[in-house]
Amino acid sequence: MKKILFLLLLIYGTSCFSQKYFTRTGATDFKASVDVFEPIEAKNKSTTVLLKTSTGEIVAQLFMTAFQFKIGLMQEHFNENYMESYTYPKATFKGKLVDFNLSTIEEKSNYTLKGILTIKGISKEITTTASLKKEKKQLTFKANFSVTPQDFEIQIPAIVRKKIAKKVDISLDYVLEKKA
């Protein structure tokens, strides 16, 4: 009985002392534009992100329909034709900041971010550099990386193929609050 109680206290104590930073208002942008044509870009301002500071583990989730385009027809085509947002409503990322240590973050610290991005039920490994800045009870997190539509089996019709970039640039900009 004492061993079980000790184990429960150990597990509970570890989770209590592990700091977490969190947001539901993270900004995820993408650009898939070719210079000559109409800009193809959108912003999602409701990405949910959780960073566990004891391990550097980070998870993020966003709903595809929350991407906002300047042109409504682009948004409709994005959700219905390309992303099939009603079948695959969300994208997720699960990864880790390599050698992350909250106590050593300076004005701006860079870390290697490795993880799995899942879109349309298809997973792809991502490795990029993330910058973090610590301010009081907040962490500012920024990163950029590129993917291709083919990575996630996104079909681009021949009629518009030349209007869409071969690589889609994704930008992450999150202000994470210390979670109580």
Protein backbone atom coordinates (compact mmCIF):
# COMPACT_ATOMS: atom_id res chain seq x y z
CA MET A 1 0.00 0.00 0.00
CA LYS A 2 2.85 2.39 0.84
CA LYS A 3 4.44 1.69 -2.55
CA ILE A 4 1.22 2.56 -4.40
CA LEU A 5 0.80 5.75 -2.37
CA PHE A 6 4.42 6.72 -3.05
CA LEU A 7 3.99 6.06 -6.78
CA LEU A 8 0.83 8.18 -6.92
CA LEU A 9 2.56 11.03 -5.07
CA LEU A 10 5.53 10.79 -7.44
CA ILE A 11 3.31 10.94 -10.53
CA TYR A 12 1.14 13.73 -9.11
CA GLY A 13 4.16 15.70 -7.90
CA THR A 14 5.91 15.46 -11.27
CA SER A 15 2.86 16.73 -13.13
CA CYS A 16 2.36 19.55 -10.62
CA PHE A 17 5.90 20.85 -10.99
CA SER A 18 5.95 20.62 -14.75
CA GLN A 19 5.20 24.04 -16.16
CA LYS A 20 3.04 24.37 -19.21
CA TYR A 21 2.50 27.26 -21.58
CA PHE A 22 -0.68 27.47 -23.62
CA THR A 23 -2.66 29.47 -26.17
CA ARG A 24 -5.90 29.18 -28.12
CA THR A 25 -5.19 32.26 -30.20
CA GLY A 26 -1.99 31.31 -32.00
CA ALA A 27 -1.55 32.58 -35.56
CA THR A 28 -0.74 30.09 -38.31
CA ASP A 29 -0.33 31.55 -41.81
CA PHE A 30 0.37 30.00 -45.15
CA LYS A 31 1.35 31.34 -48.55
CA ALA A 32 1.12 29.35 -51.75
CA SER A 33 1.44 32.21 -54.21
CA VAL A 34 3.15 32.47 -57.54
CA ASP A 35 4.29 36.09 -58.10
CA VAL A 36 2.41 36.68 -61.36
CA PHE A 37 -1.02 35.61 -60.09
CA GLU A 38 -3.48 36.52 -57.33
CA PRO A 39 -1.94 35.96 -53.86
CA ILE A 40 -2.94 32.65 -52.34
CA GLU A 41 -2.57 33.12 -48.61
CA ALA A 42 -4.61 32.68 -45.47
CA LYS A 43 -4.39 33.21 -41.72
CA ASN A 44 -5.74 31.08 -38.89
CA LYS A 45 -5.85 33.00 -35.59
CA SER A 46 -7.22 30.19 -33.46
CA THR A 47 -4.45 27.61 -33.27
CA THR A 48 -4.38 25.79 -29.92
CA VAL A 49 -0.85 25.09 -28.66
CA LEU A 50 0.52 23.48 -25.49
CA LEU A 51 4.22 23.47 -24.54
CA LYS A 52 5.43 21.31 -21.67
CA THR A 53 8.56 23.04 -20.42
CA SER A 54 10.04 20.08 -18.53
CA THR A 55 10.46 18.07 -21.74
CA GLY A 56 10.16 20.60 -24.58
CA GLU A 57 7.20 18.64 -25.96
CA ILE A 58 4.80 20.74 -28.00
CA VAL A 59 1.41 19.92 -29.48
CA ALA A 60 -0.74 22.08 -31.73
CA GLN A 61 -4.14 21.75 -33.34
CA LEU A 62 -6.07 23.95 -35.72
CA PHE A 63 -9.33 23.69 -37.60
CA MET A 64 -8.96 24.00 -41.35
CA THR A 65 -12.16 26.02 -41.75
CA ALA A 66 -10.69 28.73 -39.48
CA PHE A 67 -8.27 29.82 -42.22
CA GLN A 68 -9.40 33.21 -43.51
CA PHE A 69 -8.72 34.28 -47.10
CA LYS A 70 -9.14 37.74 -48.62
CA ILE A 71 -11.23 36.20 -51.40
CA GLY A 72 -14.24 34.15 -50.26
CA LEU A 73 -14.17 31.89 -53.32
CA MET A 74 -10.58 30.86 -52.52
CA GLN A 75 -11.68 29.91 -49.01
CA GLU A 76 -14.55 27.84 -50.40
CA HIS A 77 -12.26 26.00 -52.86
CA PHE A 78 -9.63 25.49 -50.15
CA ASN A 79 -12.12 23.83 -47.77
CA GLU A 80 -14.22 21.88 -50.26
CA ASN A 81 -11.83 20.87 -53.04
CA TYR A 82 -8.27 20.89 -51.75
CA MET A 83 -8.37 20.21 -48.00
CA GLU A 84 -11.69 18.35 -47.80
CA SER A 85 -12.15 20.17 -44.49
CA TYR A 86 -15.46 18.54 -43.68
CA THR A 87 -13.89 15.08 -43.88
CA TYR A 88 -10.55 16.15 -42.35
CA PRO A 89 -11.51 19.09 -40.10
CA LYS A 90 -8.20 19.62 -38.30
CA ALA A 91 -4.45 19.60 -38.68
CA THR A 92 -2.19 18.60 -35.81
CA PHE A 93 1.47 18.82 -34.89
CA LYS A 94 3.17 16.80 -32.18
CA GLY A 95 6.85 17.36 -31.60
CA LYS A 96 9.68 18.48 -29.41
CA LEU A 97 12.05 21.40 -29.04
CA VAL A 98 15.46 19.70 -28.96
CA ASP A 99 17.55 20.52 -25.85
CA PHE A 100 14.88 22.94 -24.61
CA ASN A 101 15.54 24.51 -21.23
CA LEU A 102 13.20 27.26 -20.02
CA SER A 103 15.74 28.66 -17.56
CA THR A 104 18.32 29.34 -20.28
CA ILE A 105 16.11 31.29 -22.68
CA GLU A 106 17.71 34.63 -23.34
CA GLU A 107 16.34 37.64 -25.23
CA LYS A 108 15.76 35.32 -28.15
CA SER A 109 16.80 31.66 -28.23
CA ASN A 110 16.69 29.28 -31.16
CA TYR A 111 15.88 25.58 -30.92
CA THR A 112 15.53 22.76 -33.38
CA LEU A 113 11.87 21.79 -33.64
CA LYS A 114 11.19 18.20 -34.72
CA GLY A 115 7.84 16.55 -34.99
CA ILE A 116 5.00 15.10 -37.02
CA LEU A 117 2.57 17.32 -38.94
CA THR A 118 -0.71 15.59 -39.83
CA ILE A 119 -3.01 17.03 -42.49
CA LYS A 120 -5.84 15.12 -44.19
CA GLY A 121 -4.91 12.07 -42.12
CA ILE A 122 -1.40 12.00 -43.64
CA SER A 123 1.64 12.50 -41.42
CA LYS A 124 4.95 14.07 -42.40
CA GLU A 125 8.06 14.61 -40.33
CA ILE A 126 9.03 18.28 -39.97
CA THR A 127 12.36 19.69 -38.80
CA THR A 128 12.88 23.44 -38.56
CA THR A 129 14.23 26.16 -36.29
CA ALA A 130 11.93 27.78 -33.73
CA SER A 131 12.75 30.99 -31.91
CA LEU A 132 11.50 31.61 -28.39
CA LYS A 133 11.50 34.75 -26.32
CA LYS A 134 10.57 34.82 -22.64
CA GLU A 135 8.71 37.82 -21.20
CA LYS A 136 7.26 37.61 -17.67
CA LYS A 137 4.62 34.85 -17.84
CA GLN A 138 4.66 34.57 -21.63
CA LEU A 139 6.71 32.81 -24.28
CA THR A 140 6.71 34.11 -27.85
CA PHE A 141 7.19 31.21 -30.26
CA LYS A 142 7.95 31.68 -33.97
CA ALA A 143 8.84 29.20 -36.70
CA ASN A 144 8.67 28.79 -40.48
CA PHE A 145 8.77 25.75 -42.71
CA SER A 146 7.58 24.58 -46.14
CA VAL A 147 5.57 21.62 -47.38
CA THR A 148 4.31 20.59 -50.79
CA PRO A 149 0.69 19.79 -51.68
CA GLN A 150 1.91 16.33 -52.72
CA ASP A 151 3.15 15.68 -49.15
CA PHE A 152 -0.49 15.46 -48.10
CA GLU A 153 -2.01 14.14 -51.34
CA ILE A 154 -3.65 17.47 -52.14
CA GLN A 155 -4.77 17.32 -55.75
CA ILE A 156 -4.26 20.51 -57.78
CA PRO A 157 -6.27 20.60 -61.03
CA ALA A 158 -4.19 21.21 -64.18
CA ILE A 159 -6.14 24.40 -64.96
CA VAL A 160 -4.84 26.17 -61.81
CA ARG A 161 -1.56 24.28 -61.24
CA LYS A 162 0.60 27.16 -62.54
CA LYS A 163 -1.15 29.62 -60.19
CA ILE A 164 -0.22 27.70 -57.04
CA ALA A 165 3.35 27.52 -55.74
CA LYS A 166 5.11 24.15 -55.67
CA LYS A 167 6.01 24.80 -52.02
CA VAL A 168 3.62 26.16 -49.41
CA ASP A 169 5.31 28.39 -46.83
CA ILE A 170 3.88 28.08 -43.31
CA SER A 171 4.53 30.62 -40.53
CA LEU A 172 3.81 30.06 -36.85
CA ASP A 173 3.48 32.95 -34.42
CA TYR A 174 2.24 32.06 -30.94
CA VAL A 175 2.18 33.93 -27.65
CA LEU A 176 1.97 31.23 -24.99
CA GLU A 177 0.72 32.07 -21.49
CA LYS A 178 1.91 30.25 -18.38
CA LYS A 179 -0.82 27.79 -17.45
CA ALA A 180 -1.72 27.69 -13.77
